[in-house]
Amino acid sequence: MQVFVRKADLSQQTVPVVAGLPDAPVIDRNAYGTDTTVISLPAGSVVNQSGAPVLVANWRNNADMITREEAYRRIIESFSEFMQRNAGLVMTNNILAYGADHTTWPPEEQTRYTTWQSGLDYIQQVRTRSDQLEAALPVDPTDDVNWPARIPPVYI
């Protein structure tokens, strides 16, 4: 589930929940304001305490899910799934038309290749960082300081 909480509350023992939503569709990270963040957790990670929804005490034990879902969210924000598929098709067509050496492709296709490669590099950086964060979950696992710098959306 997608759980929205206030960033400032993540260091508290009890973390109040602003909203809890199903996994799909992916909700914009700022849907509840820029002072909140979204964390993906298993169902049952929100309980009622004195009539208010809060995260279960051991929510951080889900570091693998938290970091992997944050990585996914970051990747699709910069290099959406449909654009990744489109880019793969374009690159395959270019290989068939011009050969495997992208330096011999027409200039506009070389530019597309460079753009595609920057998207792939970003995906790898985010995945690597996700693996590292699983081992040592920071207070706010969604904070930009914990992740590679975002790239502009990739359009191919």
N, C-alpha and C. Protein backbone atom coordinates (compact mmCIF):
# COMPACT_ATOMS: atom_id res chain seq x y z
N MET A 1 0.83 -1.18 0.00
CA MET A 1 0.00 0.00 0.00
C MET A 1 0.87 1.24 0.00
N GLN A 2 0.34 2.32 -0.55
CA GLN A 2 1.03 3.61 -0.56
C GLN A 2 0.56 4.39 0.67
N VAL A 3 1.50 4.70 1.55
CA VAL A 3 1.18 5.37 2.80
C VAL A 3 1.81 6.76 2.79
N PHE A 4 0.96 7.77 2.91
CA PHE A 4 1.44 9.14 2.97
C PHE A 4 1.57 9.55 4.42
N VAL A 5 2.76 10.08 4.75
CA VAL A 5 3.05 10.56 6.09
C VAL A 5 3.77 11.90 5.98
N ARG A 6 3.76 12.66 7.05
CA ARG A 6 4.52 13.91 7.07
C ARG A 6 6.00 13.59 7.27
N LYS A 7 6.83 14.22 6.46
CA LYS A 7 8.27 13.96 6.54
C LYS A 7 8.79 14.20 7.94
N ALA A 8 8.31 15.26 8.59
CA ALA A 8 8.79 15.61 9.92
C ALA A 8 8.44 14.55 10.96
N ASP A 9 7.45 13.72 10.69
CA ASP A 9 7.02 12.70 11.65
C ASP A 9 7.84 11.42 11.58
N LEU A 10 8.66 11.26 10.56
CA LEU A 10 9.37 10.00 10.36
C LEU A 10 10.39 9.69 11.46
N SER A 11 10.81 10.68 12.21
CA SER A 11 11.76 10.44 13.29
C SER A 11 11.04 10.13 14.61
N GLN A 12 9.72 10.20 14.62
CA GLN A 12 8.96 9.93 15.83
C GLN A 12 8.78 8.43 16.06
N GLN A 13 8.54 8.06 17.30
CA GLN A 13 8.27 6.67 17.65
C GLN A 13 6.97 6.20 16.99
N THR A 14 5.94 7.06 17.06
CA THR A 14 4.66 6.77 16.43
C THR A 14 4.50 7.72 15.26
N VAL A 15 4.28 7.16 14.06
CA VAL A 15 4.20 7.96 12.85
C VAL A 15 2.74 8.02 12.40
N PRO A 16 2.11 9.20 12.54
CA PRO A 16 0.73 9.34 12.08
C PRO A 16 0.65 9.21 10.55
N VAL A 17 -0.45 8.66 10.07
CA VAL A 17 -0.67 8.44 8.64
C VAL A 17 -1.64 9.50 8.13
N VAL A 18 -1.26 10.15 7.05
CA VAL A 18 -2.13 11.14 6.40
C VAL A 18 -3.14 10.42 5.51
N ALA A 19 -2.66 9.42 4.75
CA ALA A 19 -3.53 8.65 3.87
C ALA A 19 -2.87 7.31 3.54
N GLY A 20 -3.70 6.32 3.36
CA GLY A 20 -3.24 5.01 2.91
C GLY A 20 -4.04 4.61 1.69
N LEU A 21 -3.35 4.30 0.60
CA LEU A 21 -4.00 4.00 -0.67
C LEU A 21 -3.48 2.70 -1.25
N PRO A 22 -4.24 2.07 -2.16
CA PRO A 22 -3.76 0.84 -2.80
C PRO A 22 -2.46 1.08 -3.57
N ASP A 23 -1.77 0.01 -3.90
CA ASP A 23 -0.50 0.09 -4.63
C ASP A 23 -0.62 0.70 -6.01
N ALA A 24 -1.75 0.45 -6.66
CA ALA A 24 -1.92 0.96 -8.02
C ALA A 24 -3.22 1.76 -8.10
N PRO A 25 -3.21 2.82 -8.84
CA PRO A 25 -2.09 3.36 -9.60
C PRO A 25 -1.12 4.09 -8.66
N VAL A 26 0.10 4.30 -9.14
CA VAL A 26 1.09 5.04 -8.37
C VAL A 26 0.61 6.49 -8.26
N ILE A 27 0.50 6.96 -7.04
CA ILE A 27 0.02 8.32 -6.76
C ILE A 27 1.22 9.27 -6.72
N ASP A 28 1.04 10.46 -7.27
CA ASP A 28 2.09 11.47 -7.26
C ASP A 28 2.57 11.71 -5.83
N ARG A 29 3.87 11.77 -5.67
CA ARG A 29 4.46 11.90 -4.34
C ARG A 29 4.04 13.18 -3.61
N ASN A 30 3.59 14.19 -4.33
CA ASN A 30 3.16 15.44 -3.70
C ASN A 30 1.64 15.57 -3.62
N ALA A 31 0.93 14.47 -3.78
CA ALA A 31 -0.54 14.50 -3.80
C ALA A 31 -1.12 15.07 -2.51
N TYR A 32 -0.43 14.91 -1.41
CA TYR A 32 -0.92 15.42 -0.13
C TYR A 32 -0.06 16.57 0.39
N GLY A 33 0.66 17.22 -0.52
CA GLY A 33 1.48 18.37 -0.16
C GLY A 33 2.96 18.04 -0.14
N THR A 34 3.75 19.08 -0.21
CA THR A 34 5.20 18.88 -0.26
C THR A 34 5.80 18.58 1.11
N ASP A 35 5.02 18.69 2.17
CA ASP A 35 5.52 18.34 3.50
C ASP A 35 5.27 16.87 3.83
N THR A 36 4.66 16.14 2.88
CA THR A 36 4.42 14.72 3.08
C THR A 36 5.31 13.92 2.13
N THR A 37 5.37 12.63 2.39
CA THR A 37 6.06 11.72 1.50
C THR A 37 5.27 10.43 1.45
N VAL A 38 5.53 9.63 0.45
CA VAL A 38 4.83 8.36 0.31
C VAL A 38 5.81 7.23 0.50
N ILE A 39 5.39 6.26 1.31
CA ILE A 39 6.20 5.08 1.57
C ILE A 39 5.35 3.87 1.22
N SER A 40 5.92 2.93 0.49
CA SER A 40 5.21 1.71 0.15
C SER A 40 5.48 0.66 1.22
N LEU A 41 4.39 0.12 1.75
CA LEU A 41 4.47 -0.86 2.82
C LEU A 41 3.47 -1.99 2.57
N PRO A 42 3.68 -3.14 3.21
CA PRO A 42 2.72 -4.23 3.05
C PRO A 42 1.38 -3.86 3.68
N ALA A 43 0.33 -4.51 3.19
CA ALA A 43 -0.98 -4.34 3.82
C ALA A 43 -0.86 -4.69 5.30
N GLY A 44 -1.59 -4.00 6.12
CA GLY A 44 -1.53 -4.23 7.56
C GLY A 44 -0.50 -3.39 8.27
N SER A 45 0.15 -2.49 7.55
CA SER A 45 1.19 -1.65 8.15
C SER A 45 0.63 -0.40 8.81
N VAL A 46 -0.67 -0.21 8.68
CA VAL A 46 -1.34 0.93 9.31
C VAL A 46 -2.34 0.37 10.31
N VAL A 47 -2.29 0.88 11.52
CA VAL A 47 -3.22 0.47 12.57
C VAL A 47 -3.86 1.71 13.18
N ASN A 48 -4.95 1.50 13.88
CA ASN A 48 -5.59 2.61 14.58
C ASN A 48 -5.06 2.68 16.00
N GLN A 49 -4.67 3.89 16.38
CA GLN A 49 -4.21 4.12 17.74
C GLN A 49 -4.97 5.33 18.26
N SER A 50 -5.79 5.10 19.27
CA SER A 50 -6.65 6.16 19.81
C SER A 50 -7.51 6.78 18.72
N GLY A 51 -7.98 5.95 17.79
CA GLY A 51 -8.87 6.41 16.74
C GLY A 51 -8.19 7.08 15.56
N ALA A 52 -6.87 7.11 15.53
CA ALA A 52 -6.15 7.75 14.42
C ALA A 52 -5.22 6.72 13.76
N PRO A 53 -5.09 6.76 12.44
CA PRO A 53 -4.21 5.81 11.77
C PRO A 53 -2.74 6.15 11.99
N VAL A 54 -1.95 5.13 12.30
CA VAL A 54 -0.50 5.28 12.49
C VAL A 54 0.19 4.08 11.87
N LEU A 55 1.49 4.24 11.60
CA LEU A 55 2.28 3.10 11.10
C LEU A 55 2.53 2.13 12.25
N VAL A 56 2.58 0.84 11.92
CA VAL A 56 2.93 -0.16 12.93
C VAL A 56 4.34 0.14 13.43
N ALA A 57 4.62 -0.26 14.65
CA ALA A 57 5.91 0.07 15.27
C ALA A 57 7.11 -0.46 14.48
N ASN A 58 6.96 -1.59 13.83
CA ASN A 58 8.09 -2.21 13.13
C ASN A 58 8.08 -1.94 11.62
N TRP A 59 7.51 -0.85 11.19
CA TRP A 59 7.38 -0.58 9.75
C TRP A 59 8.74 -0.54 9.06
N ARG A 60 9.78 -0.15 9.76
CA ARG A 60 11.12 -0.07 9.15
C ARG A 60 11.71 -1.45 8.84
N ASN A 61 11.10 -2.50 9.36
CA ASN A 61 11.56 -3.86 9.04
C ASN A 61 11.30 -4.22 7.59
N ASN A 62 10.59 -3.38 6.88
CA ASN A 62 10.28 -3.61 5.47
C ASN A 62 11.20 -2.80 4.56
N ALA A 63 12.45 -2.66 4.95
CA ALA A 63 13.40 -1.82 4.21
C ALA A 63 13.51 -2.24 2.75
N ASP A 64 13.46 -3.55 2.48
CA ASP A 64 13.57 -3.99 1.09
C ASP A 64 12.41 -3.45 0.25
N MET A 65 11.20 -3.56 0.74
CA MET A 65 10.04 -3.07 0.00
C MET A 65 10.06 -1.54 -0.09
N ILE A 66 10.39 -0.88 1.00
CA ILE A 66 10.41 0.58 1.03
C ILE A 66 11.39 1.12 0.00
N THR A 67 12.61 0.60 -0.01
CA THR A 67 13.62 1.14 -0.92
C THR A 67 13.37 0.73 -2.36
N ARG A 68 12.91 -0.48 -2.58
CA ARG A 68 12.66 -0.93 -3.96
C ARG A 68 11.50 -0.16 -4.59
N GLU A 69 10.45 0.08 -3.82
CA GLU A 69 9.31 0.83 -4.35
C GLU A 69 9.67 2.30 -4.55
N GLU A 70 10.50 2.85 -3.68
CA GLU A 70 10.96 4.24 -3.88
C GLU A 70 11.83 4.30 -5.12
N ALA A 71 12.69 3.30 -5.32
CA ALA A 71 13.51 3.26 -6.53
C ALA A 71 12.62 3.20 -7.77
N TYR A 72 11.61 2.35 -7.74
CA TYR A 72 10.68 2.23 -8.87
C TYR A 72 10.02 3.58 -9.16
N ARG A 73 9.53 4.21 -8.11
CA ARG A 73 8.85 5.51 -8.26
C ARG A 73 9.80 6.53 -8.90
N ARG A 74 11.03 6.58 -8.45
CA ARG A 74 12.00 7.53 -8.99
C ARG A 74 12.32 7.21 -10.46
N ILE A 75 12.47 5.94 -10.75
CA ILE A 75 12.79 5.55 -12.13
C ILE A 75 11.67 5.94 -13.07
N ILE A 76 10.43 5.62 -12.72
CA ILE A 76 9.34 5.91 -13.66
C ILE A 76 9.06 7.41 -13.75
N GLU A 77 9.44 8.17 -12.75
CA GLU A 77 9.28 9.62 -12.85
C GLU A 77 10.23 10.21 -13.89
N SER A 78 11.37 9.58 -14.09
CA SER A 78 12.35 10.09 -15.05
C SER A 78 12.40 9.32 -16.36
N PHE A 79 12.09 8.04 -16.33
CA PHE A 79 12.17 7.21 -17.53
C PHE A 79 11.02 6.21 -17.46
N SER A 80 9.85 6.68 -17.86
CA SER A 80 8.62 5.89 -17.71
C SER A 80 8.73 4.54 -18.41
N GLU A 81 7.89 3.63 -17.99
CA GLU A 81 7.92 2.29 -18.56
C GLU A 81 7.63 2.31 -20.06
N PHE A 82 6.65 3.09 -20.48
CA PHE A 82 6.34 3.12 -21.91
C PHE A 82 7.48 3.74 -22.70
N MET A 83 8.17 4.73 -22.12
CA MET A 83 9.29 5.35 -22.82
C MET A 83 10.48 4.38 -22.88
N GLN A 84 10.66 3.56 -21.85
CA GLN A 84 11.70 2.54 -21.89
C GLN A 84 11.43 1.54 -23.02
N ARG A 85 10.17 1.15 -23.16
CA ARG A 85 9.81 0.22 -24.24
C ARG A 85 10.01 0.88 -25.60
N ASN A 86 9.57 2.12 -25.74
CA ASN A 86 9.76 2.84 -27.00
C ASN A 86 11.24 2.95 -27.35
N ALA A 87 12.04 3.28 -26.35
CA ALA A 87 13.48 3.44 -26.58
C ALA A 87 14.10 2.11 -27.01
N GLY A 88 13.70 1.02 -26.38
CA GLY A 88 14.21 -0.28 -26.76
C GLY A 88 13.88 -0.61 -28.21
N LEU A 89 12.67 -0.28 -28.63
CA LEU A 89 12.27 -0.52 -30.02
C LEU A 89 13.09 0.35 -30.97
N VAL A 90 13.26 1.62 -30.63
CA VAL A 90 14.05 2.52 -31.48
C VAL A 90 15.48 2.01 -31.60
N MET A 91 16.08 1.61 -30.48
CA MET A 91 17.47 1.14 -30.52
C MET A 91 17.59 -0.15 -31.33
N THR A 92 16.63 -1.05 -31.18
CA THR A 92 16.64 -2.29 -31.97
C THR A 92 16.53 -1.97 -33.46
N ASN A 93 15.63 -1.08 -33.81
CA ASN A 93 15.47 -0.69 -35.22
C ASN A 93 16.75 -0.05 -35.76
N ASN A 94 17.40 0.77 -34.93
CA ASN A 94 18.64 1.40 -35.36
C ASN A 94 19.76 0.37 -35.57
N ILE A 95 19.83 -0.60 -34.70
CA ILE A 95 20.83 -1.66 -34.86
C ILE A 95 20.59 -2.41 -36.16
N LEU A 96 19.33 -2.72 -36.43
CA LEU A 96 19.01 -3.43 -37.66
C LEU A 96 19.28 -2.58 -38.90
N ALA A 97 19.01 -1.28 -38.80
CA ALA A 97 19.18 -0.40 -39.96
C ALA A 97 20.62 0.06 -40.17
N TYR A 98 21.35 0.34 -39.05
CA TYR A 98 22.66 0.99 -39.17
C TYR A 98 23.82 0.17 -38.61
N GLY A 99 23.52 -0.94 -37.93
CA GLY A 99 24.57 -1.75 -37.33
C GLY A 99 24.70 -1.49 -35.84
N ALA A 100 25.49 -2.31 -35.17
CA ALA A 100 25.62 -2.26 -33.71
C ALA A 100 26.45 -1.08 -33.21
N ASP A 101 27.31 -0.53 -34.04
CA ASP A 101 28.16 0.58 -33.63
C ASP A 101 27.37 1.89 -33.72
N HIS A 102 26.89 2.37 -32.58
CA HIS A 102 26.04 3.57 -32.57
C HIS A 102 26.77 4.82 -33.05
N THR A 103 28.10 4.79 -33.06
CA THR A 103 28.83 5.98 -33.53
C THR A 103 28.72 6.16 -35.04
N THR A 104 28.22 5.14 -35.73
CA THR A 104 28.04 5.26 -37.18
C THR A 104 26.61 5.60 -37.57
N TRP A 105 25.74 5.73 -36.58
CA TRP A 105 24.35 6.06 -36.85
C TRP A 105 24.22 7.53 -37.27
N PRO A 106 23.12 7.90 -37.91
CA PRO A 106 22.89 9.31 -38.24
C PRO A 106 22.90 10.15 -36.95
N PRO A 107 23.26 11.42 -37.06
CA PRO A 107 23.39 12.28 -35.87
C PRO A 107 22.15 12.29 -34.96
N GLU A 108 20.96 12.35 -35.52
CA GLU A 108 19.76 12.40 -34.67
C GLU A 108 19.57 11.08 -33.91
N GLU A 109 20.00 9.98 -34.50
CA GLU A 109 19.90 8.69 -33.82
C GLU A 109 21.00 8.54 -32.77
N GLN A 110 22.15 9.15 -33.00
CA GLN A 110 23.20 9.16 -31.98
C GLN A 110 22.74 9.95 -30.76
N THR A 111 22.00 11.04 -31.00
CA THR A 111 21.46 11.83 -29.90
C THR A 111 20.45 11.00 -29.11
N ARG A 112 19.60 10.28 -29.82
CA ARG A 112 18.64 9.40 -29.14
C ARG A 112 19.36 8.34 -28.32
N TYR A 113 20.43 7.79 -28.88
CA TYR A 113 21.20 6.79 -28.16
C TYR A 113 21.75 7.37 -26.86
N THR A 114 22.31 8.55 -26.93
CA THR A 114 22.89 9.20 -25.75
C THR A 114 21.82 9.44 -24.69
N THR A 115 20.65 9.87 -25.13
CA THR A 115 19.53 10.09 -24.21
C THR A 115 19.11 8.78 -23.56
N TRP A 116 18.98 7.74 -24.37
CA TRP A 116 18.62 6.41 -23.87
C TRP A 116 19.64 5.93 -22.86
N GLN A 117 20.92 6.09 -23.19
CA GLN A 117 21.98 5.63 -22.29
C GLN A 117 21.95 6.39 -20.97
N SER A 118 21.64 7.68 -21.00
CA SER A 118 21.55 8.44 -19.74
C SER A 118 20.42 7.89 -18.87
N GLY A 119 19.31 7.48 -19.50
CA GLY A 119 18.22 6.86 -18.75
C GLY A 119 18.62 5.54 -18.15
N LEU A 120 19.33 4.71 -18.93
CA LEU A 120 19.79 3.42 -18.42
C LEU A 120 20.79 3.60 -17.28
N ASP A 121 21.69 4.57 -17.42
CA ASP A 121 22.67 4.85 -16.36
C ASP A 121 21.96 5.26 -15.08
N TYR A 122 20.94 6.10 -15.21
CA TYR A 122 20.17 6.55 -14.04
C TYR A 122 19.48 5.35 -13.37
N ILE A 123 18.88 4.50 -14.15
CA ILE A 123 18.22 3.31 -13.59
C ILE A 123 19.23 2.50 -12.78
N GLN A 124 20.41 2.29 -13.33
CA GLN A 124 21.42 1.50 -12.62
C GLN A 124 21.86 2.19 -11.33
N GLN A 125 22.04 3.49 -11.37
CA GLN A 125 22.44 4.23 -10.17
C GLN A 125 21.37 4.12 -9.08
N VAL A 126 20.12 4.25 -9.47
CA VAL A 126 19.02 4.16 -8.50
C VAL A 126 18.92 2.76 -7.92
N ARG A 127 19.07 1.75 -8.75
CA ARG A 127 19.01 0.36 -8.26
C ARG A 127 20.15 0.07 -7.28
N THR A 128 21.34 0.54 -7.62
CA THR A 128 22.49 0.34 -6.74
C THR A 128 22.25 1.01 -5.39
N ARG A 129 21.76 2.24 -5.43
CA ARG A 129 21.50 2.97 -4.19
C ARG A 129 20.40 2.30 -3.38
N SER A 130 19.39 1.79 -4.05
CA SER A 130 18.32 1.08 -3.36
C SER A 130 18.88 -0.10 -2.56
N ASP A 131 19.76 -0.85 -3.19
CA ASP A 131 20.37 -2.00 -2.51
C ASP A 131 21.14 -1.55 -1.27
N GLN A 132 21.85 -0.43 -1.38
CA GLN A 132 22.62 0.09 -0.25
C GLN A 132 21.69 0.55 0.88
N LEU A 133 20.60 1.20 0.53
CA LEU A 133 19.68 1.73 1.54
C LEU A 133 18.93 0.63 2.29
N GLU A 134 18.76 -0.52 1.65
CA GLU A 134 18.10 -1.64 2.33
C GLU A 134 18.86 -2.03 3.59
N ALA A 135 20.17 -1.95 3.52
CA ALA A 135 21.01 -2.36 4.64
C ALA A 135 21.05 -1.33 5.77
N ALA A 136 20.78 -0.08 5.43
CA ALA A 136 20.84 1.00 6.44
C ALA A 136 19.78 2.04 6.10
N LEU A 137 18.54 1.73 6.45
CA LEU A 137 17.42 2.61 6.11
C LEU A 137 17.54 3.94 6.84
N PRO A 138 17.61 5.05 6.10
CA PRO A 138 17.70 6.36 6.75
C PRO A 138 16.35 6.77 7.37
N VAL A 139 16.37 7.81 8.16
CA VAL A 139 15.14 8.30 8.81
C VAL A 139 14.06 8.53 7.76
N ASP A 140 14.40 9.26 6.70
CA ASP A 140 13.45 9.47 5.60
C ASP A 140 14.02 8.80 4.35
N PRO A 141 13.58 7.58 4.08
CA PRO A 141 14.12 6.85 2.93
C PRO A 141 13.70 7.42 1.59
N THR A 142 12.86 8.43 1.59
CA THR A 142 12.42 9.05 0.34
C THR A 142 13.09 10.39 0.08
N ASP A 143 13.90 10.85 1.02
CA ASP A 143 14.57 12.15 0.88
C ASP A 143 15.57 12.12 -0.27
N ASP A 144 15.54 13.15 -1.09
CA ASP A 144 16.43 13.23 -2.25
C ASP A 144 17.91 13.10 -1.88
N VAL A 145 18.30 13.53 -0.69
CA VAL A 145 19.72 13.45 -0.31
C VAL A 145 20.23 12.02 -0.25
N ASN A 146 19.31 11.06 -0.14
CA ASN A 146 19.69 9.65 -0.06
C ASN A 146 19.79 8.97 -1.41
N TRP A 147 19.47 9.67 -2.48
CA TRP A 147 19.36 9.07 -3.80
C TRP A 147 20.21 9.82 -4.83
N PRO A 148 20.51 9.17 -5.96
CA PRO A 148 21.20 9.88 -7.04
C PRO A 148 20.36 11.07 -7.51
N ALA A 149 21.03 12.09 -8.00
CA ALA A 149 20.32 13.27 -8.50
C ALA A 149 19.37 12.85 -9.60
N ARG A 150 18.16 13.37 -9.53
CA ARG A 150 17.16 13.06 -10.55
C ARG A 150 17.62 13.60 -11.90
N ILE A 151 17.20 12.90 -12.95
CA ILE A 151 17.46 13.40 -14.30
C ILE A 151 16.15 13.90 -14.88
N PRO A 152 16.22 14.80 -15.85
CA PRO A 152 14.99 15.24 -16.50
C PRO A 152 14.31 14.04 -17.17
N PRO A 153 12.99 14.09 -17.32
CA PRO A 153 12.31 12.97 -17.98
C PRO A 153 12.92 12.66 -19.35
N VAL A 154 13.09 11.38 -19.61
CA VAL A 154 13.66 10.91 -20.87
C VAL A 154 12.53 10.75 -21.87
N TYR A 155 12.69 11.40 -23.02
CA TYR A 155 11.73 11.27 -24.13
C TYR A 155 12.48 10.83 -25.37
N ILE A 156 12.08 9.70 -25.92
CA ILE A 156 12.71 9.19 -27.13
C ILE A 156 11.63 8.90 -28.15
